[in-house]
PDB file of N, CA and C in Angstrom:
ATOM      1  N   MET A   1     100.748 212.906 186.415  1.00  0.00           N
ATOM      2  CA  MET A   1     102.085 212.991 186.321  1.00  0.00           C
ATOM      3  C   MET A   1     102.813 211.976 186.244  1.00  0.00           C
ATOM      4  N   GLN A   2     103.758 212.134 185.479  1.00  0.00           N
ATOM      5  CA  GLN A   2     104.771 210.841 185.027  1.00  0.00           C
ATOM      6  C   GLN A   2     105.911 211.210 185.854  1.00  0.00           C
ATOM      7  N   VAL A   3     106.765 209.881 186.339  1.00  0.00           N
ATOM      8  CA  VAL A   3     108.178 210.145 187.049  1.00  0.00           C
ATOM      9  C   VAL A   3     108.825 209.298 186.498  1.00  0.00           C
ATOM     10  N   THR A   4     110.234 209.004 186.752  1.00  0.00           N
ATOM     11  CA  THR A   4     111.124 208.079 186.365  1.00  0.00           C
ATOM     12  C   THR A   4     111.297 206.704 187.505  1.00  0.00           C
ATOM     13  N   VAL A   5     111.572 205.738 187.476  1.00  0.00           N
ATOM     14  CA  VAL A   5     111.584 204.588 188.476  1.00  0.00           C
ATOM     15  C   VAL A   5     112.903 205.400 189.558  1.00  0.00           C
ATOM     16  N   HIS A   6     113.664 206.261 189.159  1.00  0.00           N
ATOM     17  CA  HIS A   6     114.534 206.528 190.229  1.00  0.00           C
ATOM     18  C   HIS A   6     113.855 207.479 191.056  1.00  0.00           C
ATOM     19  N   GLU A   7     113.096 208.512 190.379  1.00  0.00           N
ATOM     20  CA  GLU A   7     112.394 209.625 191.104  1.00  0.00           C
ATOM     21  C   GLU A   7     111.294 208.755 192.038  1.00  0.00           C
ATOM     22  N   ALA A   8     110.633 207.867 191.422  1.00  0.00           N
ATOM     23  CA  ALA A   8     109.492 206.999 192.411  1.00  0.00           C
ATOM     24  C   ALA A   8     110.328 206.694 193.490  1.00  0.00           C
ATOM     25  N   LYS A   9     111.428 205.899 193.399  1.00  0.00           N
ATOM     26  CA  LYS A   9     112.248 205.668 194.510  1.00  0.00           C
ATOM     27  C   LYS A   9     112.182 206.482 195.658  1.00  0.00           C
ATOM     28  N   THR A  10     113.022 207.643 195.234  1.00  0.00           N
ATOM     29  CA  THR A  10     113.225 208.960 196.350  1.00  0.00           C
ATOM     30  C   THR A  10     111.774 209.546 196.651  1.00  0.00           C
ATOM     31  N   GLN A  11     110.991 209.572 195.888  1.00  0.00           N
ATOM     32  CA  GLN A  11     109.706 210.313 196.312  1.00  0.00           C
ATOM     33  C   GLN A  11     108.325 209.595 196.524  1.00  0.00           C
ATOM     34  N   LEU A  12     108.569 208.150 197.104  1.00  0.00           N
ATOM     35  CA  LEU A  12     107.456 207.499 196.858  1.00  0.00           C
ATOM     36  C   LEU A  12     106.300 207.926 197.934  1.00  0.00           C
ATOM     37  N   SER A  13     106.736 208.364 199.000  1.00  0.00           N
ATOM     38  CA  SER A  13     105.616 209.202 199.938  1.00  0.00           C
ATOM     39  C   SER A  13     104.562 209.936 199.222  1.00  0.00           C
ATOM     40  N   LYS A  14     105.605 210.820 198.388  1.00  0.00           N
ATOM     41  CA  LYS A  14     104.508 212.235 197.878  1.00  0.00           C
ATOM     42  C   LYS A  14     103.850 211.793 196.641  1.00  0.00           C
ATOM     43  N   LEU A  15     104.424 210.399 196.212  1.00  0.00           N
ATOM     44  CA  LEU A  15     103.252 209.871 195.042  1.00  0.00           C
ATOM     45  C   LEU A  15     102.321 209.268 195.254  1.00  0.00           C
ATOM     46  N   ILE A  16     102.360 208.575 196.344  1.00  0.00           N
ATOM     47  CA  ILE A  16     101.149 207.860 197.264  1.00  0.00           C
ATOM     48  C   ILE A  16     100.281 208.872 197.459  1.00  0.00           C
ATOM     49  N   GLU A  17     100.644 210.069 198.109  1.00  0.00           N
ATOM     50  CA  GLU A  17      99.663 210.852 198.700  1.00  0.00           C
ATOM     51  C   GLU A  17      99.131 211.739 197.170  1.00  0.00           C
ATOM     52  N   ALA A  18      99.727 211.515 196.234  1.00  0.00           N
ATOM     53  CA  ALA A  18      99.201 212.358 195.167  1.00  0.00           C
ATOM     54  C   ALA A  18      98.087 211.550 194.280  1.00  0.00           C
ATOM     55  N   ALA A  19      98.601 209.904 194.410  1.00  0.00           N
ATOM     56  CA  ALA A  19      97.529 209.054 193.855  1.00  0.00           C
ATOM     57  C   ALA A  19      96.409 208.920 194.880  1.00  0.00           C
ATOM     58  N   LEU A  20      96.402 209.272 196.004  1.00  0.00           N
ATOM     59  CA  LEU A  20      95.297 209.032 197.241  1.00  0.00           C
ATOM     60  C   LEU A  20      94.283 210.377 196.853  1.00  0.00           C
ATOM     61  N   ALA A  21      95.194 211.407 196.625  1.00  0.00           N
ATOM     62  CA  ALA A  21      94.320 212.698 196.186  1.00  0.00           C
ATOM     63  C   ALA A  21      93.661 212.776 194.887  1.00  0.00           C
ATOM     64  N   GLY A  22      93.678 211.636 193.965  1.00  0.00           N
ATOM     65  CA  GLY A  22      93.275 211.472 192.702  1.00  0.00           C
ATOM     66  C   GLY A  22      93.756 211.446 191.693  1.00  0.00           C
ATOM     67  N   GLU A  23      95.315 212.056 191.675  1.00  0.00           N
ATOM     68  CA  GLU A  23      96.148 212.419 190.656  1.00  0.00           C
ATOM     69  C   GLU A  23      96.529 211.068 189.869  1.00  0.00           C
ATOM     70  N   GLU A  24      96.798 210.712 188.941  1.00  0.00           N
ATOM     71  CA  GLU A  24      97.224 209.579 187.978  1.00  0.00           C
ATOM     72  C   GLU A  24      98.655 209.777 187.917  1.00  0.00           C
ATOM     73  N   VAL A  25      99.364 208.794 188.539  1.00  0.00           N
ATOM     74  CA  VAL A  25     100.686 208.675 188.788  1.00  0.00           C
ATOM     75  C   VAL A  25     101.244 207.474 188.033  1.00  0.00           C
ATOM     76  N   VAL A  26     102.223 207.908 186.941  1.00  0.00           N
ATOM     77  CA  VAL A  26     102.686 206.984 186.012  1.00  0.00           C
ATOM     78  C   VAL A  26     104.106 207.052 186.181  1.00  0.00           C
ATOM     79  N   ILE A  27     104.842 205.917 186.491  1.00  0.00           N
ATOM     80  CA  ILE A  27     106.132 205.389 186.628  1.00  0.00           C
ATOM     81  C   ILE A  27     106.703 204.786 185.492  1.00  0.00           C
ATOM     82  N   ALA A  28     107.698 205.478 184.687  1.00  0.00           N
ATOM     83  CA  ALA A  28     108.134 205.120 183.536  1.00  0.00           C
ATOM     84  C   ALA A  28     109.813 204.602 183.812  1.00  0.00           C
ATOM     85  N   ARG A  29     110.342 204.121 182.594  1.00  0.00           N
ATOM     86  CA  ARG A  29     111.588 203.430 182.615  1.00  0.00           C
ATOM     87  C   ARG A  29     112.231 204.410 181.404  1.00  0.00           C
ATOM     88  N   GLY A  30     112.921 205.322 181.617  1.00  0.00           N
ATOM     89  CA  GLY A  30     113.444 206.236 180.833  1.00  0.00           C
ATOM     90  C   GLY A  30     112.052 207.101 180.188  1.00  0.00           C
ATOM     91  N   LYS A  31     111.666 206.990 178.983  1.00  0.00           N
ATOM     92  CA  LYS A  31     110.370 207.612 178.253  1.00  0.00           C
ATOM     93  C   LYS A  31     109.246 206.642 178.301  1.00  0.00           C
ATOM     94  N   GLN A  32     109.489 205.281 178.732  1.00  0.00           N
ATOM     95  CA  GLN A  32     108.417 204.216 178.238  1.00  0.00           C
ATOM     96  C   GLN A  32     107.485 204.044 179.669  1.00  0.00           C
ATOM     97  N   PRO A  33     106.421 204.156 179.571  1.00  0.00           N
ATOM     98  CA  PRO A  33     105.560 204.380 180.954  1.00  0.00           C
ATOM     99  C   PRO A  33     105.275 202.878 181.138  1.00  0.00           C
ATOM    100  N   VAL A  34     105.411 202.205 182.392  1.00  0.00           N
ATOM    101  CA  VAL A  34     105.572 200.877 182.710  1.00  0.00           C
ATOM    102  C   VAL A  34     104.249 200.624 183.819  1.00  0.00           C
ATOM    103  N   VAL A  35     103.765 201.597 184.695  1.00  0.00           N
ATOM    104  CA  VAL A  35     103.491 201.236 185.904  1.00  0.00           C
ATOM    105  C   VAL A  35     102.465 202.468 186.115  1.00  0.00           C
ATOM    106  N   LYS A  36     101.250 202.326 186.582  1.00  0.00           N
ATOM    107  CA  LYS A  36     100.206 203.042 187.209  1.00  0.00           C
ATOM    108  C   LYS A  36     100.345 203.079 188.498  1.00  0.00           C
ATOM    109  N   LEU A  37     100.290 204.165 189.331  1.00  0.00           N
ATOM    110  CA  LEU A  37     100.007 204.163 190.738  1.00  0.00           C
ATOM    111  C   LEU A  37      98.817 204.402 190.935  1.00  0.00           C
ATOM    112  N   VAL A  38      97.817 203.683 191.733  1.00  0.00           N
ATOM    113  CA  VAL A  38      96.138 203.951 191.868  1.00  0.00           C
ATOM    114  C   VAL A  38      96.109 203.385 193.174  1.00  0.00           C
ATOM    115  N   PRO A  39      95.236 204.330 193.928  1.00  0.00           N
ATOM    116  CA  PRO A  39      94.667 203.660 195.303  1.00  0.00           C
ATOM    117  C   PRO A  39      93.814 202.413 195.321  1.00  0.00           C
ATOM    118  N   ILE A  40      93.996 201.742 196.323  1.00  0.00           N
ATOM    119  CA  ILE A  40      93.038 200.449 196.328  1.00  0.00           C
ATOM    120  C   ILE A  40      91.726 201.165 196.795  1.00  0.00           C
ATOM    121  N   GLN A  41      90.473 200.395 196.154  1.00  0.00           N
ATOM    122  CA  GLN A  41      89.431 200.537 196.445  1.00  0.00           C
ATOM    123  C   GLN A  41      88.707 199.877 197.879  1.00  0.00           C
ATOM    124  N   ARG A  42      88.324 200.213 198.680  1.00  0.00           N
ATOM    125  CA  ARG A  42      88.055 199.457 199.683  1.00  0.00           C
ATOM    126  C   ARG A  42      86.557 199.206 199.636  1.00  0.00           C
ATOM    127  N   ALA A  43      85.990 197.860 199.731  1.00  0.00           N
ATOM    128  CA  ALA A  43      84.788 197.274 199.583  1.00  0.00           C
ATOM    129  C   ALA A  43      83.849 197.609 200.841  1.00  0.00           C
ATOM    130  N   THR A  44      82.863 198.114 200.649  1.00  0.00           N
ATOM    131  CA  THR A  44      82.019 198.352 202.049  1.00  0.00           C
ATOM    132  C   THR A  44      81.252 197.384 202.303  1.00  0.00           C
ATOM    133  N   PHE A  45      80.991 197.021 203.470  1.00  0.00           N
ATOM    134  CA  PHE A  45      80.371 195.510 204.219  1.00  0.00           C
ATOM    135  C   PHE A  45      79.320 195.952 205.159  1.00  0.00           C
ATOM    136  N   ARG A  46      78.211 195.746 205.015  1.00  0.00           N
ATOM    137  CA  ARG A  46      77.410 196.139 205.777  1.00  0.00           C
ATOM    138  C   ARG A  46      76.937 194.321 206.645  1.00  0.00           C
ATOM    139  N   ILE A  47      76.645 194.596 208.036  1.00  0.00           N
ATOM    140  CA  ILE A  47      75.856 193.549 208.476  1.00  0.00           C
ATOM    141  C   ILE A  47      74.611 193.710 208.407  1.00  0.00           C
ATOM    142  N   GLY A  48      73.942 192.891 208.412  1.00  0.00           N
ATOM    143  CA  GLY A  48      72.240 193.023 208.276  1.00  0.00           C
ATOM    144  C   GLY A  48      71.648 193.495 207.047  1.00  0.00           C
ATOM    145  N   ILE A  49      72.401 193.525 206.019  1.00  0.00           N
ATOM    146  CA  ILE A  49      71.898 194.410 204.871  1.00  0.00           C
ATOM    147  C   ILE A  49      70.405 193.471 204.314  1.00  0.00           C
ATOM    148  N   LEU A  50      69.925 192.227 204.861  1.00  0.00           N
ATOM    149  CA  LEU A  50      68.866 191.772 204.491  1.00  0.00           C
ATOM    150  C   LEU A  50      67.905 191.634 205.440  1.00  0.00           C
ATOM    151  N   ARG A  51      67.939 192.505 206.465  1.00  0.00           N
ATOM    152  CA  ARG A  51      67.019 192.543 207.710  1.00  0.00           C
ATOM    153  C   ARG A  51      65.653 193.136 207.519  1.00  0.00           C
ATOM    154  N   GLY A  52      64.739 192.331 207.501  1.00  0.00           N
ATOM    155  CA  GLY A  52      63.265 192.451 207.361  1.00  0.00           C
ATOM    156  C   GLY A  52      63.130 192.054 205.864  1.00  0.00           C
ATOM    157  N   GLN A  53      63.988 191.871 205.494  1.00  0.00           N
ATOM    158  CA  GLN A  53      63.602 191.184 203.866  1.00  0.00           C
ATOM    159  C   GLN A  53      63.499 189.744 203.661  1.00  0.00           C
ATOM    160  N   LEU A  54      63.704 188.805 204.637  1.00  0.00           N
ATOM    161  CA  LEU A  54      63.599 187.520 204.604  1.00  0.00           C
ATOM    162  C   LEU A  54      62.351 187.170 205.703  1.00  0.00           C
ATOM    163  N   THR A  55      61.397 186.254 204.999  1.00  0.00           N
ATOM    164  CA  THR A  55      60.565 185.916 205.431  1.00  0.00           C
ATOM    165  C   THR A  55      59.958 184.556 205.585  1.00  0.00           C
ATOM    166  N   GLY A  56      59.631 183.874 206.751  1.00  0.00           N
ATOM    167  CA  GLY A  56      59.275 182.458 206.767  1.00  0.00           C
ATOM    168  C   GLY A  56      59.989 181.740 207.628  1.00  0.00           C
ATOM    169  N   PRO A  57      59.812 180.625 208.124  1.00  0.00           N
ATOM    170  CA  PRO A  57      60.501 179.998 209.143  1.00  0.00           C
ATOM    171  C   PRO A  57      61.889 179.589 208.553  1.00  0.00           C
ATOM    172  N   GLY A  58      62.962 179.684 209.034  1.00  0.00           N
ATOM    173  CA  GLY A  58      64.237 179.100 208.778  1.00  0.00           C
ATOM    174  C   GLY A  58      64.212 177.576 208.887  1.00  0.00           C
ATOM    175  N   PRO A  59      65.368 177.186 208.497  1.00  0.00           N
ATOM    176  CA  PRO A  59      65.622 175.791 208.358  1.00  0.00           C
ATOM    177  C   PRO A  59      65.924 175.151 209.939  1.00  0.00           C
ATOM    178  N   ASP A  60      65.313 173.991 210.043  1.00  0.00           N
ATOM    179  CA  ASP A  60      65.397 173.146 211.589  1.00  0.00           C
ATOM    180  C   ASP A  60      66.716 172.737 211.376  1.00  0.00           C
ATOM    181  N   TRP A  61      68.077 173.177 211.893  1.00  0.00           N
ATOM    182  CA  TRP A  61      69.342 172.639 211.779  1.00  0.00           C
ATOM    183  C   TRP A  61      69.360 171.160 212.539  1.00  0.00           C
ATOM    184  N   PHE A  62      68.391 171.109 213.493  1.00  0.00           N
ATOM    185  CA  PHE A  62      68.764 169.707 214.581  1.00  0.00           C
ATOM    186  C   PHE A  62      67.683 168.573 214.097  1.00  0.00           C
ATOM    187  N   GLU A  63      67.018 168.842 212.976  1.00  0.00           N
ATOM    188  CA  GLU A  63      66.081 167.819 212.373  1.00  0.00           C
ATOM    189  C   GLU A  63      66.993 166.892 211.520  1.00  0.00           C
ATOM    190  N   PRO A  64      66.798 165.645 211.705  1.00  0.00           N
ATOM    191  CA  PRO A  64      67.638 164.697 210.825  1.00  0.00           C
ATOM    192  C   PRO A  64      67.263 165.152 209.129  1.00  0.00           C
ATOM    193  N   MET A  65      68.277 164.975 208.512  1.00  0.00           N
ATOM    194  CA  MET A  65      68.116 164.934 206.825  1.00  0.00           C
ATOM    195  C   MET A  65      67.489 163.945 206.591  1.00  0.00           C
ATOM    196  N   PRO A  66      66.375 164.133 205.176  1.00  0.00           N
ATOM    197  CA  PRO A  66      65.916 162.921 204.636  1.00  0.00           C
ATOM    198  C   PRO A  66      66.960 162.175 204.199  1.00  0.00           C
ATOM    199  N   GLU A  67      66.579 160.823 204.132  1.00  0.00           N
ATOM    200  CA  GLU A  67      67.820 159.742 203.483  1.00  0.00           C
ATOM    201  C   GLU A  67      68.307 160.105 202.183  1.00  0.00           C
ATOM    202  N   ASP A  68      67.745 160.656 201.360  1.00  0.00           N
ATOM    203  CA  ASP A  68      67.901 160.586 200.065  1.00  0.00           C
ATOM    204  C   ASP A  68      69.137 161.704 200.036  1.00  0.00           C
ATOM    205  N   GLU A  69      68.845 163.029 200.721  1.00  0.00           N
ATOM    206  CA  GLU A  69      69.870 164.097 200.743  1.00  0.00           C
ATOM    207  C   GLU A  69      71.280 163.431 201.770  1.00  0.00           C
ATOM    208  N   LEU A  70      70.636 162.809 202.598  1.00  0.00           N
ATOM    209  CA  LEU A  70      71.911 162.360 203.613  1.00  0.00           C
ATOM    210  C   LEU A  70      73.164 161.375 202.598  1.00  0.00           C
ATOM    211  N   ALA A  71      72.275 160.706 201.786  1.00  0.00           N
ATOM    212  CA  ALA A  71      72.874 159.606 200.829  1.00  0.00           C
ATOM    213  C   ALA A  71      73.845 160.605 200.296  1.00  0.00           C
ATOM    214  N   LEU A  72      73.554 161.563 199.246  1.00  0.00           N
ATOM    215  CA  LEU A  72      73.953 162.667 198.672  1.00  0.00           C
ATOM    216  C   LEU A  72      75.538 163.112 199.400  1.00  0.00           C
ATOM    217  N   TRP A  73      75.491 163.352 200.725  1.00  0.00           N
ATOM    218  CA  TRP A  73      76.283 164.064 201.535  1.00  0.00           C
ATOM    219  C   TRP A  73      77.470 162.816 201.746  1.00  0.00           C
ATOM    220  N   GLU A  74      76.973 161.670 201.715  1.00  0.00           N
ATOM    221  CA  GLU A  74      77.797 160.560 202.079  1.00  0.00           C
ATOM    222  C   GLU A  74      78.079 159.807 201.112  1.00  0.00           C
ATOM    223  N   GLY A  75      78.123 160.429 199.833  1.00  0.00           N
ATOM    224  CA  GLY A  75      78.681 159.772 198.482  1.00  0.00           C
ATOM    225  C   GLY A  75      77.835 158.622 197.876  1.00  0.00           C
ATOM    226  N   GLY A  76      76.526 158.446 198.752  1.00  0.00           N
ATOM    227  CA  GLY A  76      75.808 157.493 198.048  1.00  0.00           C
ATOM    228  C   GLY A  76      75.189 157.893 196.559  1.00  0.00           C
ATOM    229  N   PRO A  77      74.222 157.120 196.023  1.00  0.00           N
ATOM    230  CA  PRO A  77      73.836 157.186 194.688  1.00  0.00           C
ATOM    231  C   PRO A  77      72.683 158.305 194.667  1.00  0.00           C
TER     232      PRO A  77
END
């Protein structure tokens, strides 16, 4: 469906519903298409996606760092 900018201003809610339903909505200036109205694709996020796939001991965050690594963090050679 192609509508003019004026029509888009007056029928925005209907155009949004049409785009959400999968219809291609193009807004034109005169007869020149300038914008396509499309729904935003939401990314799915799952917590625990690697559960059971990681093995071995994790890092020990409370152990001191080796001197060479510590020097790199502190801007040393």
